[in-house]
C-alpha atoms as a PDB file:
ATOM      1  CA  UNK A   1       0.000   0.000   0.000  1.00  0.00           C
ATOM      2  CA  UNK A   2       2.790   2.438   0.856  1.00  0.00           C
ATOM      3  CA  UNK A   3       4.270   2.154  -2.621  1.00  0.00           C
ATOM      4  CA  UNK A   4       0.917   3.101  -4.201  1.00  0.00           C
ATOM      5  CA  UNK A   5       0.556   6.073  -1.863  1.00  0.00           C
ATOM      6  CA  UNK A   6       4.091   7.162  -2.748  1.00  0.00           C
ATOM      7  CA  UNK A   7       3.322   6.917  -6.478  1.00  0.00           C
ATOM      8  CA  UNK A   8       0.130   8.910  -5.975  1.00  0.00           C
ATOM      9  CA  UNK A   9       2.005  11.595  -4.042  1.00  0.00           C
ATOM     10  CA  UNK A  10       4.664  11.747  -6.753  1.00  0.00           C
ATOM     11  CA  UNK A  11       2.023  12.263  -9.460  1.00  0.00           C
ATOM     12  CA  UNK A  12       0.102  14.918  -7.526  1.00  0.00           C
ATOM     13  CA  UNK A  13       3.251  16.708  -6.380  1.00  0.00           C
ATOM     14  CA  UNK A  14       4.498  17.058  -9.957  1.00  0.00           C
ATOM     15  CA  UNK A  15       1.147  18.171 -11.421  1.00  0.00           C
ATOM     16  CA  UNK A  16       0.772  21.615 -12.960  1.00  0.00           C
ATOM     17  CA  UNK A  17      -3.024  21.216 -13.187  1.00  0.00           C
ATOM     18  CA  UNK A  18      -5.312  19.087 -10.986  1.00  0.00           C
ATOM     19  CA  UNK A  19      -8.750  17.801 -11.900  1.00  0.00           C
ATOM     20  CA  UNK A  20     -10.611  16.413  -8.899  1.00  0.00           C
ATOM     21  CA  UNK A  21     -13.351  13.974  -9.930  1.00  0.00           C
ATOM     22  CA  UNK A  22     -15.636  12.321  -7.400  1.00  0.00           C
ATOM     23  CA  UNK A  23     -18.645  10.124  -6.845  1.00  0.00           C
ATOM     24  CA  UNK A  24     -20.746   9.150  -3.838  1.00  0.00           C
ATOM     25  CA  UNK A  25     -17.739   7.748  -1.981  1.00  0.00           C
ATOM     26  CA  UNK A  26     -16.435  11.288  -1.495  1.00  0.00           C
ATOM     27  CA  UNK A  27     -19.402  12.136   0.728  1.00  0.00           C
ATOM     28  CA  UNK A  28     -19.393   8.998   2.870  1.00  0.00           C
ATOM     29  CA  UNK A  29     -16.727  10.375   5.226  1.00  0.00           C
ATOM     30  CA  UNK A  30     -18.952  13.423   5.791  1.00  0.00           C
ATOM     31  CA  UNK A  31     -21.671  11.092   7.040  1.00  0.00           C
ATOM     32  CA  UNK A  32     -23.678  11.213   3.804  1.00  0.00           C
ATOM     33  CA  UNK A  33     -25.358   7.953   2.753  1.00  0.00           C
ATOM     34  CA  UNK A  34     -24.846   6.154  -0.546  1.00  0.00           C
ATOM     35  CA  UNK A  35     -28.383   5.498  -1.778  1.00  0.00           C
ATOM     36  CA  UNK A  36     -27.464   3.289  -4.731  1.00  0.00           C
ATOM     37  CA  UNK A  37     -28.206   0.244  -2.590  1.00  0.00           C
ATOM     38  CA  UNK A  38     -31.881   0.018  -1.615  1.00  0.00           C
ATOM     39  CA  UNK A  39     -30.927  -0.906   1.951  1.00  0.00           C
ATOM     40  CA  UNK A  40     -29.343   2.484   2.509  1.00  0.00           C
ATOM     41  CA  UNK A  41     -32.559   4.232   1.531  1.00  0.00           C
ATOM     42  CA  UNK A  42     -34.709   2.017   3.769  1.00  0.00           C
ATOM     43  CA  UNK A  43     -32.514   2.698   6.786  1.00  0.00           C
ATOM     44  CA  UNK A  44     -33.319   6.372   6.402  1.00  0.00           C
ATOM     45  CA  UNK A  45     -37.011   5.793   5.731  1.00  0.00           C
ATOM     46  CA  UNK A  46     -38.383   2.411   6.897  1.00  0.00           C
ATOM     47  CA  UNK A  47     -41.740   3.360   5.343  1.00  0.00           C
ATOM     48  CA  UNK A  48     -40.205   2.950   1.889  1.00  0.00           C
ATOM     49  CA  UNK A  49     -39.192  -0.658   2.566  1.00  0.00           C
ATOM     50  CA  UNK A  50     -42.790  -1.933   2.647  1.00  0.00           C
ATOM     51  CA  UNK A  51     -43.311  -0.989  -0.982  1.00  0.00           C
ATOM     52  CA  UNK A  52     -39.698  -1.882  -1.869  1.00  0.00           C
ATOM     53  CA  UNK A  53     -39.140   1.638  -3.160  1.00  0.00           C
ATOM     54  CA  UNK A  54     -35.589   1.981  -4.476  1.00  0.00           C
ATOM     55  CA  UNK A  55     -33.338   4.992  -4.908  1.00  0.00           C
ATOM     56  CA  UNK A  56     -33.727   4.782  -8.683  1.00  0.00           C
ATOM     57  CA  UNK A  57     -37.504   4.825  -8.269  1.00  0.00           C
ATOM     58  CA  UNK A  58     -37.576   7.750  -5.844  1.00  0.00           C
ATOM     59  CA  UNK A  59     -35.151   9.840  -7.906  1.00  0.00           C
ATOM     60  CA  UNK A  60     -37.302   9.670 -11.018  1.00  0.00           C
ATOM     61  CA  UNK A  61     -39.639  11.921 -12.979  1.00  0.00           C
ATOM     62  CA  UNK A  62     -42.254   9.171 -12.863  1.00  0.00           C
ATOM     63  CA  UNK A  63     -42.340   9.331  -9.055  1.00  0.00           C
ATOM     64  CA  UNK A  64     -42.831  13.105  -9.190  1.00  0.00           C
ATOM     65  CA  UNK A  65     -45.972  12.649 -11.268  1.00  0.00           C
ATOM     66  CA  UNK A  66     -47.382   9.464  -9.702  1.00  0.00           C
ATOM     67  CA  UNK A  67     -46.557  10.191  -6.031  1.00  0.00           C
ATOM     68  CA  UNK A  68     -45.408  13.826  -5.748  1.00  0.00           C
ATOM     69  CA  UNK A  69     -45.771  14.034  -1.957  1.00  0.00           C
ATOM     70  CA  UNK A  70     -43.399  11.114  -1.397  1.00  0.00           C
ATOM     71  CA  UNK A  71     -41.044  12.136  -4.223  1.00  0.00           C
ATOM     72  CA  UNK A  72     -40.797  15.653  -2.818  1.00  0.00           C
ATOM     73  CA  UNK A  73     -40.364  14.163   0.646  1.00  0.00           C
ATOM     74  CA  UNK A  74     -37.228  12.430  -0.599  1.00  0.00           C
ATOM     75  CA  UNK A  75     -35.968  15.615  -2.283  1.00  0.00           C
ATOM     76  CA  UNK A  76     -36.628  17.557   0.925  1.00  0.00           C
ATOM     77  CA  UNK A  77     -34.806  14.943   2.972  1.00  0.00           C
ATOM     78  CA  UNK A  78     -31.744  15.211   0.711  1.00  0.00           C
ATOM     79  CA  UNK A  79     -31.816  19.001   0.836  1.00  0.00           C
ATOM     80  CA  UNK A  80     -31.956  19.038   4.646  1.00  0.00           C
ATOM     81  CA  UNK A  81     -29.242  16.405   4.924  1.00  0.00           C
ATOM     82  CA  UNK A  82     -26.818  18.137   2.560  1.00  0.00           C
ATOM     83  CA  UNK A  83     -27.391  21.532   4.159  1.00  0.00           C
ATOM     84  CA  UNK A  84     -26.545  20.180   7.613  1.00  0.00           C
ATOM     85  CA  UNK A  85     -23.508  18.101   6.564  1.00  0.00           C
ATOM     86  CA  UNK A  86     -19.997  19.343   7.290  1.00  0.00           C
ATOM     87  CA  UNK A  87     -17.434  18.654   4.524  1.00  0.00           C
ATOM     88  CA  UNK A  88     -14.745  16.298   5.811  1.00  0.00           C
ATOM     89  CA  UNK A  89     -11.040  17.115   6.082  1.00  0.00           C
ATOM     90  CA  UNK A  90     -10.330  15.717   2.615  1.00  0.00           C
ATOM     91  CA  UNK A  91     -11.976  18.740   1.002  1.00  0.00           C
ATOM     92  CA  UNK A  92      -9.502  21.083   2.679  1.00  0.00           C
ATOM     93  CA  UNK A  93      -6.609  18.924   1.498  1.00  0.00           C
ATOM     94  CA  UNK A  94      -7.821  19.045  -2.109  1.00  0.00           C
ATOM     95  CA  UNK A  95      -8.379  22.788  -1.873  1.00  0.00           C
ATOM     96  CA  UNK A  96      -4.788  23.274  -0.693  1.00  0.00           C
ATOM     97  CA  UNK A  97      -3.403  21.087  -3.485  1.00  0.00           C
ATOM     98  CA  UNK A  98      -5.342  23.072  -6.064  1.00  0.00           C
ATOM     99  CA  UNK A  99      -4.138  26.388  -4.657  1.00  0.00           C
ATOM    100  CA  UNK A 100      -0.501  25.327  -5.010  1.00  0.00           C
ATOM    101  CA  UNK A 101      -0.784  23.915  -8.555  1.00  0.00           C
ATOM    102  CA  UNK A 102       0.535  26.295 -11.222  1.00  0.00           C
ATOM    103  CA  UNK A 103      -2.574  25.994 -13.434  1.00  0.00           C
ATOM    104  CA  UNK A 104      -4.945  25.577 -10.517  1.00  0.00           C
ATOM    105  CA  UNK A 105      -7.684  22.986 -10.146  1.00  0.00           C
ATOM    106  CA  UNK A 106     -11.164  22.128 -11.345  1.00  0.00           C
ATOM    107  CA  UNK A 107     -13.831  19.816  -9.872  1.00  0.00           C
ATOM    108  CA  UNK A 108     -15.954  17.316 -11.804  1.00  0.00           C
ATOM    109  CA  UNK A 109     -18.475  15.509  -9.606  1.00  0.00           C
ATOM    110  CA  UNK A 110     -21.580  13.387 -10.003  1.00  0.00           C
ATOM    111  CA  UNK A 111     -22.672  14.350  -6.493  1.00  0.00           C
ATOM    112  CA  UNK A 112     -25.648  16.679  -6.192  1.00  0.00           C
ATOM    113  CA  UNK A 113     -24.913  17.691  -2.590  1.00  0.00           C
ATOM    114  CA  UNK A 114     -23.067  21.006  -3.034  1.00  0.00           C
ATOM    115  CA  UNK A 115     -20.335  19.981  -0.583  1.00  0.00           C
ATOM    116  CA  UNK A 116     -17.489  21.426  -2.672  1.00  0.00           C
ATOM    117  CA  UNK A 117     -19.129  24.855  -2.649  1.00  0.00           C
ATOM    118  CA  UNK A 118     -19.745  24.516   1.082  1.00  0.00           C
ATOM    119  CA  UNK A 119     -16.051  23.665   1.586  1.00  0.00           C
ATOM    120  CA  UNK A 120     -15.064  26.946  -0.084  1.00  0.00           C
ATOM    121  CA  UNK A 121     -14.192  25.823  -3.609  1.00  0.00           C
ATOM    122  CA  UNK A 122     -14.708  28.386  -6.369  1.00  0.00           C
ATOM    123  CA  UNK A 123     -18.191  27.725  -7.771  1.00  0.00           C
ATOM    124  CA  UNK A 124     -16.986  28.762 -11.248  1.00  0.00           C
ATOM    125  CA  UNK A 125     -14.499  25.851 -11.195  1.00  0.00           C
ATOM    126  CA  UNK A 126     -17.034  23.108 -10.417  1.00  0.00           C
ATOM    127  CA  UNK A 127     -18.876  20.951 -12.950  1.00  0.00           C
ATOM    128  CA  UNK A 128     -21.831  19.095 -11.413  1.00  0.00           C
ATOM    129  CA  UNK A 129     -22.388  16.262 -13.845  1.00  0.00           C
ATOM    130  CA  UNK A 130     -25.888  15.425 -12.588  1.00  0.00           C
ATOM    131  CA  UNK A 131     -26.987  18.865 -11.435  1.00  0.00           C
ATOM    132  CA  UNK A 132     -27.643  20.057  -7.883  1.00  0.00           C
ATOM    133  CA  UNK A 133     -30.424  19.575  -5.342  1.00  0.00           C
ATOM    134  CA  UNK A 134     -29.814  23.183  -4.298  1.00  0.00           C
ATOM    135  CA  UNK A 135     -31.406  24.407  -7.547  1.00  0.00           C
ATOM    136  CA  UNK A 136     -34.982  24.034  -8.810  1.00  0.00           C
ATOM    137  CA  UNK A 137     -36.589  23.840 -12.228  1.00  0.00           C
ATOM    138  CA  UNK A 138     -40.190  23.742 -13.373  1.00  0.00           C
ATOM    139  CA  UNK A 139     -41.933  20.465 -14.221  1.00  0.00           C
ATOM    140  CA  UNK A 140     -43.503  22.151 -17.239  1.00  0.00           C
ATOM    141  CA  UNK A 141     -41.227  21.948 -20.272  1.00  0.00           C
ATOM    142  CA  UNK A 142     -42.731  25.210 -21.539  1.00  0.00           C
ATOM    143  CA  UNK A 143     -41.201  27.027 -18.555  1.00  0.00           C
ATOM    144  CA  UNK A 144     -37.415  27.503 -18.541  1.00  0.00           C
ATOM    145  CA  UNK A 145     -37.081  28.905 -15.014  1.00  0.00           C
ATOM    146  CA  UNK A 146     -34.137  27.539 -12.984  1.00  0.00           C
ATOM    147  CA  UNK A 147     -33.846  29.121  -9.536  1.00  0.00           C
ATOM    148  CA  UNK A 148     -31.990  28.526  -6.228  1.00  0.00           C
ATOM    149  CA  UNK A 149     -33.749  26.409  -3.592  1.00  0.00           C
ATOM    150  CA  UNK A 150     -32.575  28.689  -0.777  1.00  0.00           C
ATOM    151  CA  UNK A 151     -36.126  29.668   0.173  1.00  0.00           C
ATOM    152  CA  UNK A 152     -37.258  26.087   0.851  1.00  0.00           C
ATOM    153  CA  UNK A 153     -37.429  24.825   4.437  1.00  0.00           C
ATOM    154  CA  UNK A 154     -38.527  21.215   3.977  1.00  0.00           C
ATOM    155  CA  UNK A 155     -40.549  19.382   6.606  1.00  0.00           C
ATOM    156  CA  UNK A 156     -40.589  15.629   5.957  1.00  0.00           C
ATOM    157  CA  UNK A 157     -42.633  12.918   7.678  1.00  0.00           C
ATOM    158  CA  UNK A 158     -39.930  10.476   8.803  1.00  0.00           C
ATOM    159  CA  UNK A 159     -42.350   7.525   8.827  1.00  0.00           C
ATOM    160  CA  UNK A 160     -43.680   7.868   5.299  1.00  0.00           C
ATOM    161  CA  UNK A 161     -41.000  10.022   3.632  1.00  0.00           C
ATOM    162  CA  UNK A 162     -43.830  12.392   2.762  1.00  0.00           C
ATOM    163  CA  UNK A 163     -43.527  16.143   2.154  1.00  0.00           C
ATOM    164  CA  UNK A 164     -45.507  18.143   4.729  1.00  0.00           C
ATOM    165  CA  UNK A 165     -47.333  21.227   3.454  1.00  0.00           C
ATOM    166  CA  UNK A 166     -47.900  22.715  -0.017  1.00  0.00           C
ATOM    167  CA  UNK A 167     -45.624  21.364  -2.722  1.00  0.00           C
ATOM    168  CA  UNK A 168     -43.070  23.837  -4.157  1.00  0.00           C
ATOM    169  CA  UNK A 169     -44.599  25.834  -6.977  1.00  0.00           C
ATOM    170  CA  UNK A 170     -42.996  27.684  -9.866  1.00  0.00           C
ATOM    171  CA  UNK A 171     -43.886  31.296 -10.652  1.00  0.00           C
ATOM    172  CA  UNK A 172     -45.799  29.976 -13.667  1.00  0.00           C
ATOM    173  CA  UNK A 173     -48.064  27.907 -11.408  1.00  0.00           C
ATOM    174  CA  UNK A 174     -46.704  24.425 -12.171  1.00  0.00           C
ATOM    175  CA  UNK A 175     -44.980  22.217  -9.613  1.00  0.00           C
ATOM    176  CA  UNK A 176     -41.236  22.576  -9.257  1.00  0.00           C
ATOM    177  CA  UNK A 177     -38.611  19.829  -9.020  1.00  0.00           C
ATOM    178  CA  UNK A 178     -34.884  19.604  -8.380  1.00  0.00           C
ATOM    179  CA  UNK A 179     -32.588  20.649 -11.203  1.00  0.00           C
ATOM    180  CA  UNK A 180     -31.059  17.171 -11.031  1.00  0.00           C
ATOM    181  CA  UNK A 181     -30.735  14.684 -13.868  1.00  0.00           C
ATOM    182  CA  UNK A 182     -33.128  11.914 -12.866  1.00  0.00           C
ATOM    183  CA  UNK A 183     -32.950   8.301 -13.995  1.00  0.00           C
ATOM    184  CA  UNK A 184     -35.809   8.636 -16.512  1.00  0.00           C
ATOM    185  CA  UNK A 185     -35.306  12.273 -17.471  1.00  0.00           C
ATOM    186  CA  UNK A 186     -34.195  12.281 -21.094  1.00  0.00           C
ATOM    187  CA  UNK A 187     -34.712  15.810 -22.471  1.00  0.00           C
ATOM    188  CA  UNK A 188     -36.792  16.942 -19.465  1.00  0.00           C
ATOM    189  CA  UNK A 189     -33.796  18.067 -17.446  1.00  0.00           C
ATOM    190  CA  UNK A 190     -33.010  21.772 -17.814  1.00  0.00           C
ATOM    191  CA  UNK A 191     -29.277  21.594 -18.468  1.00  0.00           C
ATOM    192  CA  UNK A 192     -28.387  25.292 -18.779  1.00  0.00           C
ATOM    193  CA  UNK A 193     -26.210  25.243 -15.643  1.00  0.00           C
ATOM    194  CA  UNK A 194     -24.651  21.945 -16.749  1.00  0.00           C
ATOM    195  CA  UNK A 195     -23.684  23.320 -20.159  1.00  0.00           C
ATOM    196  CA  UNK A 196     -22.171  26.495 -18.712  1.00  0.00           C
ATOM    197  CA  UNK A 197     -20.127  24.462 -16.228  1.00  0.00           C
ATOM    198  CA  UNK A 198     -19.016  22.030 -18.919  1.00  0.00           C
ATOM    199  CA  UNK A 199     -17.857  24.871 -21.163  1.00  0.00           C
ATOM    200  CA  UNK A 200     -15.780  26.343 -18.340  1.00  0.00           C
ATOM    201  CA  UNK A 201     -14.213  22.926 -17.657  1.00  0.00           C
ATOM    202  CA  UNK A 202     -13.345  22.430 -21.323  1.00  0.00           C
ATOM    203  CA  UNK A 203     -11.757  25.885 -21.536  1.00  0.00           C
ATOM    204  CA  UNK A 204      -9.704  25.173 -18.429  1.00  0.00           C
ATOM    205  CA  UNK A 205      -8.552  21.799 -19.730  1.00  0.00           C
ATOM    206  CA  UNK A 206      -7.557  23.289 -23.084  1.00  0.00           C
ATOM    207  CA  UNK A 207      -5.517  26.019 -21.396  1.00  0.00           C
ATOM    208  CA  UNK A 208      -3.774  23.761 -18.869  1.00  0.00           C
ATOM    209  CA  UNK A 209      -0.811  21.404 -19.043  1.00  0.00           C
ATOM    210  CA  UNK A 210       0.786  18.822 -16.780  1.00  0.00           C
ATOM    211  CA  UNK A 211      -2.638  17.424 -15.853  1.00  0.00           C
ATOM    212  CA  UNK A 212      -3.231  14.859 -13.118  1.00  0.00           C
ATOM    213  CA  UNK A 213      -6.765  13.562 -12.525  1.00  0.00           C
ATOM    214  CA  UNK A 214      -7.512  12.601  -8.920  1.00  0.00           C
ATOM    215  CA  UNK A 215     -10.633  10.426  -8.849  1.00  0.00           C
ATOM    216  CA  UNK A 216     -12.230   9.766  -5.465  1.00  0.00           C
ATOM    217  CA  UNK A 217     -15.027   7.380  -4.514  1.00  0.00           C
ATOM    218  CA  UNK A 218     -16.454   6.815  -7.997  1.00  0.00           C
ATOM    219  CA  UNK A 219     -18.504   3.623  -8.087  1.00  0.00           C
ATOM    220  CA  UNK A 220     -19.081   1.112 -10.849  1.00  0.00           C
ATOM    221  CA  UNK A 221     -22.889   0.839 -10.731  1.00  0.00           C
ATOM    222  CA  UNK A 222     -23.215   4.248 -12.399  1.00  0.00           C
ATOM    223  CA  UNK A 223     -19.729   4.665 -13.914  1.00  0.00           C
ATOM    224  CA  UNK A 224     -20.109   8.178 -15.353  1.00  0.00           C
ATOM    225  CA  UNK A 225     -17.250   9.660 -13.312  1.00  0.00           C
ATOM    226  CA  UNK A 226     -14.929   6.688 -13.815  1.00  0.00           C
ATOM    227  CA  UNK A 227     -15.414   6.877 -17.578  1.00  0.00           C
ATOM    228  CA  UNK A 228     -14.944  10.667 -17.682  1.00  0.00           C
ATOM    229  CA  UNK A 229     -11.827  10.475 -15.515  1.00  0.00           C
ATOM    230  CA  UNK A 230     -10.234   7.892 -17.799  1.00  0.00           C
ATOM    231  CA  UNK A 231     -11.205   9.696 -20.982  1.00  0.00           C
ATOM    232  CA  UNK A 232      -9.959  13.109 -19.843  1.00  0.00           C
ATOM    233  CA  UNK A 233      -6.647  11.749 -18.536  1.00  0.00           C
ATOM    234  CA  UNK A 234      -6.037  10.004 -21.859  1.00  0.00           C
ATOM    235  CA  UNK A 235      -7.215  12.885 -24.044  1.00  0.00           C
ATOM    236  CA  UNK A 236      -5.070  15.506 -22.284  1.00  0.00           C
ATOM    237  CA  UNK A 237      -2.042  13.303 -21.676  1.00  0.00           C
ATOM    238  CA  UNK A 238      -2.450  13.230 -17.931  1.00  0.00           C
ATOM    239  CA  UNK A 239      -2.026  10.641 -15.220  1.00  0.00           C
ATOM    240  CA  UNK A 240      -4.911   9.206 -13.213  1.00  0.00           C
ATOM    241  CA  UNK A 241      -4.873   8.635  -9.457  1.00  0.00           C
ATOM    242  CA  UNK A 242      -7.898   6.501  -8.519  1.00  0.00           C
ATOM    243  CA  UNK A 243      -8.859   6.391  -4.826  1.00  0.00           C
ATOM    244  CA  UNK A 244     -11.438   3.749  -3.994  1.00  0.00           C
ATOM    245  CA  UNK A 245     -11.737   1.204  -1.150  1.00  0.00           C
ATOM    246  CA  UNK A 246     -12.909  -1.591  -3.481  1.00  0.00           C
ATOM    247  CA  UNK A 247     -12.649  -0.496  -7.135  1.00  0.00           C
ATOM    248  CA  UNK A 248      -9.177   1.030  -7.348  1.00  0.00           C
ATOM    249  CA  UNK A 249      -7.874  -0.825 -10.423  1.00  0.00           C
ATOM    250  CA  UNK A 250      -6.496   1.243 -13.308  1.00  0.00           C
ATOM    251  CA  UNK A 251      -5.804   0.358 -16.939  1.00  0.00           C
ATOM    252  CA  UNK A 252      -2.481   2.078 -17.695  1.00  0.00           C
ATOM    253  CA  UNK A 253       0.944   1.589 -16.161  1.00  0.00           C
ATOM    254  CA  UNK A 254       1.425   5.329 -15.538  1.00  0.00           C
ATOM    255  CA  UNK A 255      -1.788   5.490 -13.496  1.00  0.00           C
ATOM    256  CA  UNK A 256      -2.117   4.424  -9.866  1.00  0.00           C
ATOM    257  CA  UNK A 257      -4.921   2.987  -7.767  1.00  0.00           C
ATOM    258  CA  UNK A 258      -5.113   3.472  -4.000  1.00  0.00           C
ATOM    259  CA  UNK A 259      -7.342   1.008  -2.153  1.00  0.00           C
ATOM    260  CA  UNK A 260      -8.533   3.306   0.635  1.00  0.00           C
ATOM    261  CA  UNK A 261     -11.448   5.564   1.525  1.00  0.00           C
ATOM    262  CA  UNK A 262     -11.353   9.261   0.732  1.00  0.00           C
ATOM    263  CA  UNK A 263     -10.128  10.842   3.974  1.00  0.00           C
ATOM    264  CA  UNK A 264      -7.618   8.116   4.820  1.00  0.00           C
ATOM    265  CA  UNK A 265      -6.038   8.190   1.361  1.00  0.00           C
ATOM    266  CA  UNK A 266      -5.931  11.979   1.075  1.00  0.00           C
ATOM    267  CA  UNK A 267      -4.381  12.397   4.508  1.00  0.00           C
ATOM    268  CA  UNK A 268      -1.691   9.813   3.831  1.00  0.00           C
ATOM    269  CA  UNK A 269      -0.830  11.283   0.433  1.00  0.00           C
ATOM    270  CA  UNK A 270      -0.796  14.791   1.897  1.00  0.00           C
ATOM    271  CA  UNK A 271       1.565  13.707   4.673  1.00  0.00           C
ATOM    272  CA  UNK A 272       4.084  12.583   2.042  1.00  0.00           C
ATOM    273  CA  UNK A 273       3.669  15.810   0.096  1.00  0.00           C
ATOM    274  CA  UNK A 274       4.194  17.874   3.250  1.00  0.00           C
ATOM    275  CA  UNK A 275       7.272  15.800   4.054  1.00  0.00           C
ATOM    276  CA  UNK A 276       8.686  16.428   0.592  1.00  0.00           C
ATOM    277  CA  UNK A 277       8.106  20.170   0.971  1.00  0.00           C
ATOM    278  CA  UNK A 278       9.902  20.251   4.308  1.00  0.00           C
ATOM    279  CA  UNK A 279      12.784  18.163   2.946  1.00  0.00           C
ATOM    280  CA  UNK A 280      13.148  20.491  -0.045  1.00  0.00           C
ATOM    281  CA  UNK A 281      12.973  23.704   1.999  1.00  0.00           C
END
């Protein structure tokens, strides 16, 4: 394990540009659940177990139309949870690495929790691949409004996962929903924020050199981040450091996989980097 951590530290320490990519595993050390397994959802809301409601079912456009009170209850639960969570120490480590890289850093994440912004990362250097629960869009395709969810104060029935009170309403009169790419969305997701973020990422990548991609906690069930990390590192001639407690394998000899969770791996890599700085002072 030490040799992999040393290789990871060597790659990150020599990077001129750092792209931090992350999936659900990045939030686990902040106490945030990974809902991809149905069991994790049922632990939060036992009432969903009776009907065998899964994460994929609850995070769907179909649920919003067939059972809006329960669907909005789940959205409200996520919003409350993410607002109250404290970003773990790994975020500060990444922020420091990015600040010391010559070309800076950018974030690409499939997480919808807004934890990078909460940890103080520059919002203009974050690409949220699946959108954000902190923003709302209208359920009517004729309405293009996308607005912050700051005004919402969700009350959720813990037993049923039901939204308590009037459902959030757009200025046009239709029901609102999260500006998050749902499992059955297709063209229904308003992707204006996504496209703007993607354009900024592409401009940054094109203007940077000496790239290292640091991927953290990206699972295999929904491999969007893993695929993007690999593609970007290959396209821009960069190395890939993959941090994952179970799925750390990499495809190229110049890349390195670290079989650890987010905080443990980042702390151990950072300790080596700090040691190198002191030795070189």
